[in-house]
Structure formats: structure tokens, C-alpha cells
Amino acid sequence: MAETKITKKSSIGEVIKNYPEAEPVLKKYFGSGCFTCPGSKMEDIAFGAMMHNMDPEVIIKELNDAIAKKKG
């Protein structure tokens, strides 16, 4: 089975819905606004990172690490 990974093109809304364990990482970088923002359903991680002046690769790595820990 292929491991599902979050990428720069993953929508923030899908990450929130599919990976509740990723919530602390999203809050750390984007704040809690993503959880109530209607745009998060369409905006991807790369866009969120750009809006918050963050490196998307750092965020993606932490999100995937959080998912891996949950599975482990």
C-alpha cells in the first residue's frame, strides 16, 4: 500500500479533515484561523506558507512526520 503523503498541493482543508493529528502543526505555522477560514478548503499548503511567509518544505515535513508518528 502506498503511503499517503502531504505535498505542497494538498489543500489545507483536506489535511485538516483527513489528518487530525496534523492540527498542531497547522496551528503552529498558520494559527487557528485556517480551521474556520472558508478559503482553506481550496487553498493548498504552498499558498498558506506563502501567505504566512514560511518555507512550505518545512511545514510539509512536519505534517508528514506527525502522520507517520500517528501510524507508528
N, C-alpha and C. Protein backbone atom coordinates (compact mmCIF):
# COMPACT_ATOMS: atom_id res chain seq x y z
N MET A 1 0.84 -1.19 0.00
CA MET A 1 0.00 0.00 0.00
C MET A 1 0.88 1.25 0.00
N ALA A 2 0.58 2.16 -0.91
CA ALA A 2 1.37 3.39 -0.99
C ALA A 2 1.04 4.31 0.19
N GLU A 3 2.05 4.90 0.74
CA GLU A 3 1.86 5.81 1.88
C GLU A 3 1.33 7.15 1.38
N THR A 4 0.26 7.60 1.99
CA THR A 4 -0.30 8.90 1.64
C THR A 4 0.59 9.97 2.24
N LYS A 5 1.01 10.89 1.39
CA LYS A 5 1.86 11.97 1.87
C LYS A 5 1.24 13.31 1.52
N ILE A 6 1.46 14.24 2.39
CA ILE A 6 1.02 15.61 2.15
C ILE A 6 2.07 16.29 1.28
N THR A 7 1.61 17.03 0.28
CA THR A 7 2.51 17.77 -0.61
C THR A 7 2.13 19.25 -0.60
N LYS A 8 2.91 20.05 -1.34
CA LYS A 8 2.63 21.48 -1.43
C LYS A 8 1.25 21.74 -2.03
N LYS A 9 0.76 20.80 -2.82
CA LYS A 9 -0.53 20.97 -3.50
C LYS A 9 -1.70 20.41 -2.70
N SER A 10 -1.44 19.79 -1.55
CA SER A 10 -2.53 19.29 -0.71
C SER A 10 -3.32 20.49 -0.18
N SER A 11 -4.64 20.39 -0.22
CA SER A 11 -5.43 21.52 0.30
C SER A 11 -5.40 21.49 1.82
N ILE A 12 -5.37 22.66 2.41
CA ILE A 12 -5.34 22.77 3.87
C ILE A 12 -6.58 22.11 4.46
N GLY A 13 -7.72 22.32 3.82
CA GLY A 13 -8.97 21.72 4.29
C GLY A 13 -8.93 20.21 4.31
N GLU A 14 -8.34 19.60 3.27
CA GLU A 14 -8.23 18.13 3.22
C GLU A 14 -7.30 17.62 4.31
N VAL A 15 -6.23 18.32 4.54
CA VAL A 15 -5.29 17.92 5.60
C VAL A 15 -6.01 17.95 6.95
N ILE A 16 -6.76 19.02 7.21
CA ILE A 16 -7.50 19.14 8.47
C ILE A 16 -8.50 17.99 8.61
N LYS A 17 -9.20 17.69 7.52
CA LYS A 17 -10.24 16.66 7.55
C LYS A 17 -9.65 15.25 7.68
N ASN A 18 -8.62 14.97 6.91
CA ASN A 18 -8.09 13.61 6.82
C ASN A 18 -7.03 13.27 7.86
N TYR A 19 -6.38 14.27 8.41
CA TYR A 19 -5.28 14.03 9.33
C TYR A 19 -5.42 14.89 10.58
N PRO A 20 -6.32 14.52 11.49
CA PRO A 20 -6.49 15.34 12.70
C PRO A 20 -5.19 15.49 13.50
N GLU A 21 -4.30 14.51 13.38
CA GLU A 21 -3.02 14.58 14.09
C GLU A 21 -2.12 15.70 13.56
N ALA A 22 -2.45 16.25 12.39
CA ALA A 22 -1.66 17.33 11.80
C ALA A 22 -2.08 18.71 12.33
N GLU A 23 -3.16 18.76 13.08
CA GLU A 23 -3.70 20.03 13.56
C GLU A 23 -2.68 20.89 14.32
N PRO A 24 -1.91 20.31 15.27
CA PRO A 24 -0.93 21.15 16.00
C PRO A 24 0.11 21.79 15.08
N VAL A 25 0.49 21.09 14.02
CA VAL A 25 1.49 21.63 13.09
C VAL A 25 0.88 22.80 12.32
N LEU A 26 -0.35 22.64 11.84
CA LEU A 26 -1.01 23.72 11.11
C LEU A 26 -1.19 24.94 12.01
N LYS A 27 -1.58 24.72 13.25
CA LYS A 27 -1.76 25.84 14.18
C LYS A 27 -0.43 26.54 14.45
N LYS A 28 0.64 25.75 14.54
CA LYS A 28 1.97 26.31 14.83
C LYS A 28 2.39 27.29 13.73
N TYR A 29 2.15 26.93 12.48
CA TYR A 29 2.61 27.76 11.37
C TYR A 29 1.58 28.75 10.87
N PHE A 30 0.30 28.36 10.87
CA PHE A 30 -0.72 29.19 10.24
C PHE A 30 -1.66 29.83 11.26
N GLY A 31 -1.60 29.43 12.54
CA GLY A 31 -2.56 29.91 13.51
C GLY A 31 -3.86 29.13 13.41
N SER A 32 -4.81 29.46 14.26
CA SER A 32 -6.05 28.69 14.27
C SER A 32 -7.06 29.18 13.22
N GLY A 33 -6.75 30.25 12.53
CA GLY A 33 -7.66 30.80 11.53
C GLY A 33 -8.00 29.84 10.41
N CYS A 34 -7.08 28.96 10.05
CA CYS A 34 -7.32 28.01 8.95
C CYS A 34 -8.51 27.10 9.24
N PHE A 35 -8.78 26.86 10.50
CA PHE A 35 -9.82 25.91 10.85
C PHE A 35 -11.22 26.49 10.66
N THR A 36 -11.32 27.82 10.55
CA THR A 36 -12.62 28.45 10.34
C THR A 36 -12.67 29.21 9.02
N CYS A 37 -11.55 29.33 8.33
CA CYS A 37 -11.49 30.09 7.09
C CYS A 37 -12.10 29.28 5.94
N PRO A 38 -13.09 29.84 5.24
CA PRO A 38 -13.68 29.12 4.11
C PRO A 38 -12.66 28.86 3.00
N GLY A 39 -11.67 29.74 2.85
CA GLY A 39 -10.67 29.57 1.80
C GLY A 39 -9.78 28.36 1.99
N SER A 40 -9.68 27.86 3.23
CA SER A 40 -8.77 26.73 3.48
C SER A 40 -9.20 25.48 2.74
N LYS A 41 -10.45 25.41 2.33
CA LYS A 41 -10.91 24.24 1.59
C LYS A 41 -10.31 24.20 0.18
N MET A 42 -9.94 25.37 -0.34
CA MET A 42 -9.38 25.43 -1.69
C MET A 42 -7.89 25.73 -1.70
N GLU A 43 -7.42 26.44 -0.69
CA GLU A 43 -6.01 26.84 -0.68
C GLU A 43 -5.11 25.67 -0.31
N ASP A 44 -3.97 25.59 -0.97
CA ASP A 44 -3.05 24.49 -0.68
C ASP A 44 -1.98 24.93 0.32
N ILE A 45 -1.19 23.96 0.75
CA ILE A 45 -0.15 24.22 1.75
C ILE A 45 0.83 25.27 1.24
N ALA A 46 1.20 25.20 -0.04
CA ALA A 46 2.16 26.16 -0.60
C ALA A 46 1.61 27.58 -0.50
N PHE A 47 0.31 27.76 -0.79
CA PHE A 47 -0.29 29.10 -0.72
C PHE A 47 -0.32 29.59 0.73
N GLY A 48 -0.71 28.71 1.64
CA GLY A 48 -0.73 29.08 3.05
C GLY A 48 0.65 29.48 3.54
N ALA A 49 1.65 28.72 3.13
CA ALA A 49 3.03 29.03 3.52
C ALA A 49 3.46 30.39 2.98
N MET A 50 3.09 30.66 1.73
CA MET A 50 3.44 31.94 1.12
C MET A 50 2.76 33.09 1.88
N MET A 51 1.49 32.91 2.22
CA MET A 51 0.73 33.96 2.91
C MET A 51 1.29 34.23 4.31
N HIS A 52 1.90 33.22 4.91
CA HIS A 52 2.44 33.37 6.26
C HIS A 52 3.97 33.53 6.25
N ASN A 53 4.53 33.70 5.04
CA ASN A 53 5.97 33.92 4.87
C ASN A 53 6.79 32.79 5.48
N MET A 54 6.37 31.56 5.18
CA MET A 54 7.04 30.36 5.71
C MET A 54 7.56 29.52 4.56
N ASP A 55 8.48 28.61 4.88
CA ASP A 55 9.00 27.66 3.90
C ASP A 55 8.05 26.46 3.84
N PRO A 56 7.39 26.23 2.69
CA PRO A 56 6.45 25.11 2.63
C PRO A 56 7.09 23.76 2.89
N GLU A 57 8.36 23.60 2.50
CA GLU A 57 9.03 22.30 2.71
C GLU A 57 9.13 21.96 4.20
N VAL A 58 9.39 22.95 5.03
CA VAL A 58 9.49 22.73 6.48
C VAL A 58 8.14 22.28 7.03
N ILE A 59 7.09 22.97 6.60
CA ILE A 59 5.74 22.64 7.08
C ILE A 59 5.34 21.24 6.62
N ILE A 60 5.58 20.93 5.35
CA ILE A 60 5.22 19.62 4.79
C ILE A 60 5.95 18.50 5.53
N LYS A 61 7.23 18.71 5.82
CA LYS A 61 8.00 17.69 6.54
C LYS A 61 7.38 17.44 7.92
N GLU A 62 7.06 18.52 8.63
CA GLU A 62 6.47 18.35 9.97
C GLU A 62 5.10 17.70 9.90
N LEU A 63 4.30 18.05 8.89
CA LEU A 63 2.98 17.43 8.74
C LEU A 63 3.12 15.93 8.49
N ASN A 64 4.03 15.56 7.58
CA ASN A 64 4.23 14.14 7.27
C ASN A 64 4.82 13.39 8.47
N ASP A 65 5.69 14.05 9.23
CA ASP A 65 6.23 13.43 10.44
C ASP A 65 5.12 13.16 11.47
N ALA A 66 4.18 14.11 11.61
CA ALA A 66 3.08 13.95 12.53
C ALA A 66 2.20 12.76 12.14
N ILE A 67 1.97 12.60 10.84
CA ILE A 67 1.16 11.48 10.34
C ILE A 67 1.89 10.17 10.57
N ALA A 68 3.20 10.16 10.30
CA ALA A 68 4.00 8.94 10.47
C ALA A 68 4.01 8.50 11.93
N LYS A 69 4.10 9.45 12.85
CA LYS A 69 4.10 9.12 14.29
C LYS A 69 2.76 8.50 14.68
N LYS A 70 1.68 9.03 14.13
CA LYS A 70 0.35 8.54 14.44
C LYS A 70 0.21 7.08 13.97
N LYS A 71 0.73 6.79 12.75
CA LYS A 71 0.65 5.43 12.19
C LYS A 71 1.55 4.47 12.96
N GLY A 72 2.72 4.99 13.41
CA GLY A 72 3.72 4.16 14.05
C GLY A 72 3.23 3.68 15.36
